[in-house]
């Protein structure tokens, strides 16, 4: 099943570029990096969302599914200041680009009975990154004082799957 509103500015061109890569036989990490290159070249403006969609929600970050099909999905996420995810990993490769604001990402390694923080990144407007399981545990947090907007491309049909998250982690975080 495919759902989409390709009339959104820049979405049709992005979907076309991702589609060329999402169905090629390749390792998930290689696909994520290739899709990141497409997103970097075709990163849309925040206007891909309406002003109302960009406003977000005062209680939690908001996801707007823009396109789904069998091999991938495109989702915009709106983060008001202070909003964050729990540490989590994903069911498939993921690529994201920041359209507005700053998203602070904390990366972790699972040691079985605890997580170890292995890195921190401040992803700013225009930054694009990609990753694939295993080893994709992270937490995202809007540390800025303005609303952040990011575009995520997942290597899964989120029209068929309820979420891109495989699991969340409530393990304690210990030093390296």
Protein backbone atom coordinates (compact mmCIF):
# COMPACT_ATOMS: atom_id res chain seq x y z
CA UNK A 1 0.00 0.00 0.00
CA UNK A 2 1.29 3.46 -0.85
CA UNK A 3 0.20 6.66 0.83
CA UNK A 4 1.60 9.98 -0.10
CA UNK A 5 0.94 13.61 -0.81
CA UNK A 6 3.60 14.22 -3.43
CA UNK A 7 2.27 17.75 -3.97
CA UNK A 8 4.28 18.86 -0.93
CA UNK A 9 7.20 21.03 -2.09
CA UNK A 10 10.23 18.85 -2.81
CA UNK A 11 8.67 15.54 -1.80
CA UNK A 12 8.16 14.04 -5.28
CA UNK A 13 11.81 14.60 -6.24
CA UNK A 14 13.02 13.15 -2.95
CA UNK A 15 10.78 10.06 -3.20
CA UNK A 16 11.95 9.44 -6.76
CA UNK A 17 15.60 9.52 -5.71
CA UNK A 18 15.07 7.28 -2.69
CA UNK A 19 13.01 4.80 -4.70
CA UNK A 20 15.94 4.22 -7.05
CA UNK A 21 18.06 3.07 -4.07
CA UNK A 22 15.60 1.48 -1.63
CA UNK A 23 14.91 -1.57 -3.79
CA UNK A 24 18.47 -2.32 -4.90
CA UNK A 25 20.09 -5.32 -3.21
CA UNK A 26 22.63 -3.84 -0.80
CA UNK A 27 23.67 -4.00 2.82
CA UNK A 28 21.39 -1.81 4.98
CA UNK A 29 24.27 0.44 6.03
CA UNK A 30 25.28 1.04 2.39
CA UNK A 31 21.65 1.83 1.52
CA UNK A 32 21.42 4.29 4.42
CA UNK A 33 24.56 6.11 3.29
CA UNK A 34 23.36 6.23 -0.34
CA UNK A 35 19.93 7.53 0.71
CA UNK A 36 21.67 10.12 2.92
CA UNK A 37 23.46 11.41 -0.19
CA UNK A 38 20.10 11.75 -1.98
CA UNK A 39 18.57 13.55 1.00
CA UNK A 40 21.59 15.85 1.24
CA UNK A 41 21.12 16.81 -2.44
CA UNK A 42 17.33 17.11 -2.23
CA UNK A 43 16.74 18.29 1.34
CA UNK A 44 13.45 20.18 1.22
CA UNK A 45 12.70 23.41 3.04
CA UNK A 46 10.59 23.49 6.22
CA UNK A 47 7.71 24.52 3.93
CA UNK A 48 7.25 20.85 3.09
CA UNK A 49 5.00 21.07 6.18
CA UNK A 50 2.20 23.56 6.66
CA UNK A 51 2.59 26.25 9.31
CA UNK A 52 0.16 24.32 11.50
CA UNK A 53 2.17 21.11 11.16
CA UNK A 54 5.41 22.96 11.97
CA UNK A 55 3.87 24.33 15.19
CA UNK A 56 4.16 20.95 16.90
CA UNK A 57 2.48 19.98 20.16
CA UNK A 58 3.33 21.34 23.60
CA UNK A 59 3.19 17.87 25.18
CA UNK A 60 5.23 15.67 22.85
CA UNK A 61 7.13 15.63 19.59
CA UNK A 62 4.89 15.07 16.56
CA UNK A 63 5.37 12.77 13.57
CA UNK A 64 3.82 13.54 10.17
CA UNK A 65 3.92 10.61 7.77
CA UNK A 66 4.41 12.11 4.32
CA UNK A 67 4.93 8.99 2.19
CA UNK A 68 4.87 5.23 2.64
CA UNK A 69 5.40 2.36 0.27
CA UNK A 70 6.67 -1.19 0.55
CA UNK A 71 10.40 -0.33 0.71
CA UNK A 72 10.55 2.95 2.61
CA UNK A 73 8.70 5.78 4.35
CA UNK A 74 9.23 9.51 4.69
CA UNK A 75 8.26 11.10 8.01
CA UNK A 76 8.65 14.67 9.27
CA UNK A 77 9.20 15.11 13.01
CA UNK A 78 8.52 18.36 14.86
CA UNK A 79 10.26 18.93 18.21
CA UNK A 80 9.45 21.82 20.49
CA UNK A 81 12.20 22.99 22.87
CA UNK A 82 12.98 20.37 25.51
CA UNK A 83 11.18 17.49 23.78
CA UNK A 84 13.09 14.22 23.52
CA UNK A 85 12.84 10.53 22.76
CA UNK A 86 13.85 7.73 25.06
CA UNK A 87 16.94 5.74 24.02
CA UNK A 88 15.78 3.46 21.20
CA UNK A 89 16.83 1.55 18.12
CA UNK A 90 15.11 0.94 14.79
CA UNK A 91 13.56 -1.85 12.72
CA UNK A 92 15.43 -0.77 9.57
CA UNK A 93 17.97 1.71 8.24
CA UNK A 94 17.21 5.34 8.89
CA UNK A 95 18.34 8.62 7.37
CA UNK A 96 17.44 12.06 8.69
CA UNK A 97 18.00 15.66 7.72
CA UNK A 98 17.40 18.71 9.88
CA UNK A 99 15.15 21.24 8.15
CA UNK A 100 14.98 23.74 11.01
CA UNK A 101 16.62 24.15 14.40
CA UNK A 102 19.05 21.83 16.17
CA UNK A 103 18.55 18.21 17.18
CA UNK A 104 20.95 16.92 19.77
CA UNK A 105 21.64 13.20 19.43
CA UNK A 106 23.21 10.95 22.07
CA UNK A 107 24.55 7.60 20.80
CA UNK A 108 24.80 4.45 22.93
CA UNK A 109 26.18 0.91 22.93
CA UNK A 110 24.21 -1.88 24.64
CA UNK A 111 26.34 -3.77 27.18
CA UNK A 112 23.51 -6.13 28.19
CA UNK A 113 22.73 -4.76 31.65
CA UNK A 114 23.50 -1.10 30.87
CA UNK A 115 24.09 1.37 28.05
CA UNK A 116 27.38 3.15 27.44
CA UNK A 117 27.32 6.60 25.88
CA UNK A 118 29.59 6.53 22.83
CA UNK A 119 28.98 9.94 21.31
CA UNK A 120 27.03 13.16 21.08
CA UNK A 121 26.19 15.16 17.98
CA UNK A 122 24.46 18.51 17.52
CA UNK A 123 22.67 18.13 14.18
CA UNK A 124 21.99 21.62 12.80
CA UNK A 125 19.82 22.88 9.95
CA UNK A 126 21.07 21.23 6.74
CA UNK A 127 22.87 18.34 8.48
CA UNK A 128 22.07 14.86 7.17
CA UNK A 129 23.04 11.52 8.70
CA UNK A 130 22.19 7.86 8.29
CA UNK A 131 22.61 4.59 10.14
CA UNK A 132 21.42 1.00 10.22
CA UNK A 133 20.93 -1.68 12.85
CA UNK A 134 22.60 -3.19 14.70
CA UNK A 135 24.36 -0.51 16.67
CA UNK A 136 21.84 2.26 16.09
CA UNK A 137 20.81 3.05 19.67
CA UNK A 138 20.27 6.75 20.19
CA UNK A 139 18.21 9.43 21.91
CA UNK A 140 17.16 12.67 20.20
CA UNK A 141 16.55 15.91 22.11
CA UNK A 142 15.73 19.46 21.05
CA UNK A 143 18.13 21.47 23.22
CA UNK A 144 17.46 24.74 21.40
CA UNK A 145 15.00 27.47 22.23
CA UNK A 146 13.11 27.18 18.93
CA UNK A 147 11.09 24.41 17.33
CA UNK A 148 13.17 21.90 15.36
CA UNK A 149 11.92 20.05 12.29
CA UNK A 150 13.58 17.01 10.74
CA UNK A 151 12.80 14.71 7.84
CA UNK A 152 13.35 10.97 8.41
CA UNK A 153 13.48 8.27 5.77
CA UNK A 154 13.08 4.73 7.10
CA UNK A 155 13.76 1.52 5.17
CA UNK A 156 10.36 0.15 6.20
CA UNK A 157 6.74 0.60 5.19
CA UNK A 158 5.31 2.57 8.11
CA UNK A 159 1.89 2.20 6.53
CA UNK A 160 2.17 -1.50 7.45
CA UNK A 161 4.33 -1.16 10.60
CA UNK A 162 3.06 0.82 13.59
CA UNK A 163 6.43 2.46 14.29
CA UNK A 164 10.05 2.65 13.17
CA UNK A 165 11.23 1.88 16.71
CA UNK A 166 12.29 -1.70 17.40
CA UNK A 167 12.64 -1.22 21.16
CA UNK A 168 13.22 1.43 23.78
CA UNK A 169 15.87 1.10 26.48
CA UNK A 170 15.34 1.72 30.19
CA UNK A 171 18.80 0.45 31.10
CA UNK A 172 21.08 2.61 33.23
CA UNK A 173 23.75 4.59 31.39
CA UNK A 174 27.27 4.08 32.64
CA UNK A 175 30.57 5.74 31.69
CA UNK A 176 32.87 4.35 29.04
